[in-house]
């Protein structure tokens, strides 16, 4: 797998650890969006796109985030301790949408994304800097006749 393009959108909120969003293109054929560049205590790292985990209300069946205390639909009280824990005993509140299978792949993604982030950060200090546009036009779809 070759990472053929990395697009970086810097985040301007300096109070947060989130520094940028990335879009990674693999082999000019497959895109993974919403990869995050986070500033940690030991430097920058990549966080893959994820979704909030949810469960269903026992009363009405509506979906609710695992931290919710009351149902968003019917207002019923939701039981505590609904959250599963991961191998390290931490609460599992998010699930990856896409992620590398092995450490070599993670390293490759992290190196490319952080390198592109640092280049974009450098460009942002130049006069006339315009942030990269992350919203791409719809992918080419053949016209049905």
C-alpha atoms as a PDB file:
ATOM      1  CA  UNK A   1       0.000   0.000   0.000  1.00  0.00           C
ATOM      2  CA  UNK A   2       1.294   3.427  -0.970  1.00  0.00           C
ATOM      3  CA  UNK A   3      -0.051   6.603   0.587  1.00  0.00           C
ATOM      4  CA  UNK A   4      -0.373   8.658  -2.581  1.00  0.00           C
ATOM      5  CA  UNK A   5      -1.779  11.892  -1.109  1.00  0.00           C
ATOM      6  CA  UNK A   6      -2.254  13.534   2.272  1.00  0.00           C
ATOM      7  CA  UNK A   7      -4.460  16.613   2.658  1.00  0.00           C
ATOM      8  CA  UNK A   8      -4.239  18.555   5.906  1.00  0.00           C
ATOM      9  CA  UNK A   9      -6.689  21.057   7.394  1.00  0.00           C
ATOM     10  CA  UNK A  10      -5.203  22.870  10.387  1.00  0.00           C
ATOM     11  CA  UNK A  11      -7.401  23.437  13.437  1.00  0.00           C
ATOM     12  CA  UNK A  12      -7.127  26.932  14.904  1.00  0.00           C
ATOM     13  CA  UNK A  13      -8.430  26.316  18.452  1.00  0.00           C
ATOM     14  CA  UNK A  14      -5.225  26.511  20.510  1.00  0.00           C
ATOM     15  CA  UNK A  15      -6.946  25.337  23.727  1.00  0.00           C
ATOM     16  CA  UNK A  16      -7.421  21.802  22.429  1.00  0.00           C
ATOM     17  CA  UNK A  17      -4.896  19.064  21.675  1.00  0.00           C
ATOM     18  CA  UNK A  18      -6.453  18.481  18.245  1.00  0.00           C
ATOM     19  CA  UNK A  19      -4.157  20.214  15.726  1.00  0.00           C
ATOM     20  CA  UNK A  20      -5.441  19.068  12.306  1.00  0.00           C
ATOM     21  CA  UNK A  21      -7.685  16.802  10.279  1.00  0.00           C
ATOM     22  CA  UNK A  22      -6.210  14.749   7.442  1.00  0.00           C
ATOM     23  CA  UNK A  23      -7.511  12.970   4.394  1.00  0.00           C
ATOM     24  CA  UNK A  24      -5.308  10.048   3.279  1.00  0.00           C
ATOM     25  CA  UNK A  25      -5.441   8.612  -0.225  1.00  0.00           C
ATOM     26  CA  UNK A  26      -4.091   5.082  -0.701  1.00  0.00           C
ATOM     27  CA  UNK A  27      -2.807   3.914  -4.078  1.00  0.00           C
ATOM     28  CA  UNK A  28      -4.726   6.762  -5.802  1.00  0.00           C
ATOM     29  CA  UNK A  29      -7.854   4.633  -5.263  1.00  0.00           C
ATOM     30  CA  UNK A  30      -9.084   4.719  -1.659  1.00  0.00           C
ATOM     31  CA  UNK A  31      -9.582   7.674   0.732  1.00  0.00           C
ATOM     32  CA  UNK A  32      -9.800   7.724   4.519  1.00  0.00           C
ATOM     33  CA  UNK A  33     -11.112  11.039   5.854  1.00  0.00           C
ATOM     34  CA  UNK A  34     -11.207  12.549   9.339  1.00  0.00           C
ATOM     35  CA  UNK A  35      -7.848  11.213  10.483  1.00  0.00           C
ATOM     36  CA  UNK A  36      -6.823  13.468  13.378  1.00  0.00           C
ATOM     37  CA  UNK A  37      -3.399  14.862  14.307  1.00  0.00           C
ATOM     38  CA  UNK A  38      -3.286  15.178  18.098  1.00  0.00           C
ATOM     39  CA  UNK A  39      -0.579  16.837  20.187  1.00  0.00           C
ATOM     40  CA  UNK A  40       0.263  14.454  23.006  1.00  0.00           C
ATOM     41  CA  UNK A  41       2.759  14.678  25.847  1.00  0.00           C
ATOM     42  CA  UNK A  42       5.384  12.898  23.706  1.00  0.00           C
ATOM     43  CA  UNK A  43       4.710  14.780  20.469  1.00  0.00           C
ATOM     44  CA  UNK A  44       2.196  14.441  17.651  1.00  0.00           C
ATOM     45  CA  UNK A  45       0.277  11.250  16.929  1.00  0.00           C
ATOM     46  CA  UNK A  46      -2.460  10.109  14.574  1.00  0.00           C
ATOM     47  CA  UNK A  47      -5.969   9.159  15.704  1.00  0.00           C
ATOM     48  CA  UNK A  48      -8.046   7.226  13.213  1.00  0.00           C
ATOM     49  CA  UNK A  49     -11.664   8.163  12.427  1.00  0.00           C
ATOM     50  CA  UNK A  50     -14.129   6.749  14.924  1.00  0.00           C
ATOM     51  CA  UNK A  51     -17.767   6.831  15.934  1.00  0.00           C
ATOM     52  CA  UNK A  52     -19.388   7.073  19.342  1.00  0.00           C
ATOM     53  CA  UNK A  53     -20.631   3.758  20.677  1.00  0.00           C
ATOM     54  CA  UNK A  54     -24.311   3.575  21.553  1.00  0.00           C
ATOM     55  CA  UNK A  55     -26.923   1.201  22.896  1.00  0.00           C
ATOM     56  CA  UNK A  56     -30.724   1.064  22.886  1.00  0.00           C
ATOM     57  CA  UNK A  57     -33.181   2.237  25.524  1.00  0.00           C
ATOM     58  CA  UNK A  58     -34.913  -0.735  27.191  1.00  0.00           C
ATOM     59  CA  UNK A  59     -38.201   1.204  27.246  1.00  0.00           C
ATOM     60  CA  UNK A  60     -38.511   2.650  23.697  1.00  0.00           C
ATOM     61  CA  UNK A  61     -35.621   1.096  21.747  1.00  0.00           C
ATOM     62  CA  UNK A  62     -34.091   4.475  20.782  1.00  0.00           C
ATOM     63  CA  UNK A  63     -30.297   4.763  20.340  1.00  0.00           C
ATOM     64  CA  UNK A  64     -28.322   6.623  23.004  1.00  0.00           C
ATOM     65  CA  UNK A  65     -24.645   7.405  23.540  1.00  0.00           C
ATOM     66  CA  UNK A  66     -23.144   5.234  26.271  1.00  0.00           C
ATOM     67  CA  UNK A  67     -22.515   8.196  28.603  1.00  0.00           C
ATOM     68  CA  UNK A  68     -26.162   9.321  28.435  1.00  0.00           C
ATOM     69  CA  UNK A  69     -28.036   9.068  31.732  1.00  0.00           C
ATOM     70  CA  UNK A  70     -31.467   9.513  30.155  1.00  0.00           C
ATOM     71  CA  UNK A  71     -32.959   8.393  26.850  1.00  0.00           C
ATOM     72  CA  UNK A  72     -32.888  11.091  24.155  1.00  0.00           C
ATOM     73  CA  UNK A  73     -36.294   9.934  22.909  1.00  0.00           C
ATOM     74  CA  UNK A  74     -38.506   9.015  25.875  1.00  0.00           C
ATOM     75  CA  UNK A  75     -36.519  10.482  28.801  1.00  0.00           C
ATOM     76  CA  UNK A  76     -36.346   7.184  30.698  1.00  0.00           C
ATOM     77  CA  UNK A  77     -33.439   6.728  33.091  1.00  0.00           C
ATOM     78  CA  UNK A  78     -30.719   4.551  31.545  1.00  0.00           C
ATOM     79  CA  UNK A  79     -28.812   1.978  33.602  1.00  0.00           C
ATOM     80  CA  UNK A  80     -25.283   2.821  34.703  1.00  0.00           C
ATOM     81  CA  UNK A  81     -22.287   0.632  33.832  1.00  0.00           C
ATOM     82  CA  UNK A  82     -23.525  -0.079  30.284  1.00  0.00           C
ATOM     83  CA  UNK A  83     -20.033   0.538  28.914  1.00  0.00           C
ATOM     84  CA  UNK A  84     -17.811  -2.383  27.977  1.00  0.00           C
ATOM     85  CA  UNK A  85     -14.159  -2.139  28.928  1.00  0.00           C
ATOM     86  CA  UNK A  86     -11.202  -2.785  26.644  1.00  0.00           C
ATOM     87  CA  UNK A  87      -8.282  -5.115  27.375  1.00  0.00           C
ATOM     88  CA  UNK A  88      -6.608  -2.447  29.533  1.00  0.00           C
ATOM     89  CA  UNK A  89      -9.775  -1.893  31.584  1.00  0.00           C
ATOM     90  CA  UNK A  90     -10.633   1.470  30.009  1.00  0.00           C
ATOM     91  CA  UNK A  91     -14.200   2.343  29.022  1.00  0.00           C
ATOM     92  CA  UNK A  92     -14.809   1.695  25.331  1.00  0.00           C
ATOM     93  CA  UNK A  93     -16.809   4.750  24.216  1.00  0.00           C
ATOM     94  CA  UNK A  94     -15.636   4.933  20.572  1.00  0.00           C
ATOM     95  CA  UNK A  95     -15.098   2.382  17.803  1.00  0.00           C
ATOM     96  CA  UNK A  96     -12.661   2.878  14.924  1.00  0.00           C
ATOM     97  CA  UNK A  97     -14.214   3.239  11.484  1.00  0.00           C
ATOM     98  CA  UNK A  98     -10.900   2.512   9.762  1.00  0.00           C
ATOM     99  CA  UNK A  99      -7.584   1.525  11.275  1.00  0.00           C
ATOM    100  CA  UNK A 100      -4.242  -0.088  10.393  1.00  0.00           C
ATOM    101  CA  UNK A 101      -3.966  -3.821  10.985  1.00  0.00           C
ATOM    102  CA  UNK A 102      -0.329  -3.861  12.098  1.00  0.00           C
ATOM    103  CA  UNK A 103       2.294  -1.555  13.623  1.00  0.00           C
ATOM    104  CA  UNK A 104       4.235  -1.161  10.341  1.00  0.00           C
ATOM    105  CA  UNK A 105       1.150   0.215   8.617  1.00  0.00           C
ATOM    106  CA  UNK A 106       0.378   2.502  11.588  1.00  0.00           C
ATOM    107  CA  UNK A 107       3.964   3.799  11.515  1.00  0.00           C
ATOM    108  CA  UNK A 108       3.765   4.491   7.767  1.00  0.00           C
ATOM    109  CA  UNK A 109       0.470   6.375   8.139  1.00  0.00           C
ATOM    110  CA  UNK A 110       1.681   8.334  11.150  1.00  0.00           C
ATOM    111  CA  UNK A 111       4.965   9.368   9.503  1.00  0.00           C
ATOM    112  CA  UNK A 112       3.256  10.535   6.279  1.00  0.00           C
ATOM    113  CA  UNK A 113       0.430  12.360   8.069  1.00  0.00           C
ATOM    114  CA  UNK A 114       2.676  14.133  10.583  1.00  0.00           C
ATOM    115  CA  UNK A 115       5.154  15.096   7.857  1.00  0.00           C
ATOM    116  CA  UNK A 116       2.333  16.601   5.760  1.00  0.00           C
ATOM    117  CA  UNK A 117       0.985  18.348   8.880  1.00  0.00           C
ATOM    118  CA  UNK A 118       4.368  19.951   9.600  1.00  0.00           C
ATOM    119  CA  UNK A 119       4.646  21.095   5.971  1.00  0.00           C
ATOM    120  CA  UNK A 120       1.161  22.645   6.145  1.00  0.00           C
ATOM    121  CA  UNK A 121       2.051  24.284   9.468  1.00  0.00           C
ATOM    122  CA  UNK A 122       5.128  25.826   7.823  1.00  0.00           C
ATOM    123  CA  UNK A 123       3.070  27.021   4.827  1.00  0.00           C
ATOM    124  CA  UNK A 124       0.584  28.638   7.227  1.00  0.00           C
ATOM    125  CA  UNK A 125       3.258  31.095   8.395  1.00  0.00           C
ATOM    126  CA  UNK A 126       3.771  32.446   4.864  1.00  0.00           C
ATOM    127  CA  UNK A 127       2.028  35.628   3.680  1.00  0.00           C
ATOM    128  CA  UNK A 128      -1.073  34.944   1.595  1.00  0.00           C
ATOM    129  CA  UNK A 129      -1.526  31.432   3.010  1.00  0.00           C
ATOM    130  CA  UNK A 130      -4.821  29.814   2.043  1.00  0.00           C
ATOM    131  CA  UNK A 131      -5.885  26.687   3.947  1.00  0.00           C
ATOM    132  CA  UNK A 132      -6.243  23.495   1.940  1.00  0.00           C
ATOM    133  CA  UNK A 133      -9.775  22.714   0.833  1.00  0.00           C
ATOM    134  CA  UNK A 134     -10.819  19.383   2.353  1.00  0.00           C
ATOM    135  CA  UNK A 135     -14.244  19.155   0.735  1.00  0.00           C
ATOM    136  CA  UNK A 136     -13.650  17.502  -2.594  1.00  0.00           C
ATOM    137  CA  UNK A 137     -16.163  17.458  -5.434  1.00  0.00           C
ATOM    138  CA  UNK A 138     -18.223  14.279  -5.686  1.00  0.00           C
ATOM    139  CA  UNK A 139     -16.196  11.367  -6.961  1.00  0.00           C
ATOM    140  CA  UNK A 140     -16.497  10.747 -10.647  1.00  0.00           C
ATOM    141  CA  UNK A 141     -19.542   8.599 -11.245  1.00  0.00           C
ATOM    142  CA  UNK A 142     -20.242   7.376 -14.766  1.00  0.00           C
ATOM    143  CA  UNK A 143     -23.398   8.829 -16.196  1.00  0.00           C
ATOM    144  CA  UNK A 144     -26.213   6.324 -16.621  1.00  0.00           C
ATOM    145  CA  UNK A 145     -27.923   6.647 -19.990  1.00  0.00           C
END
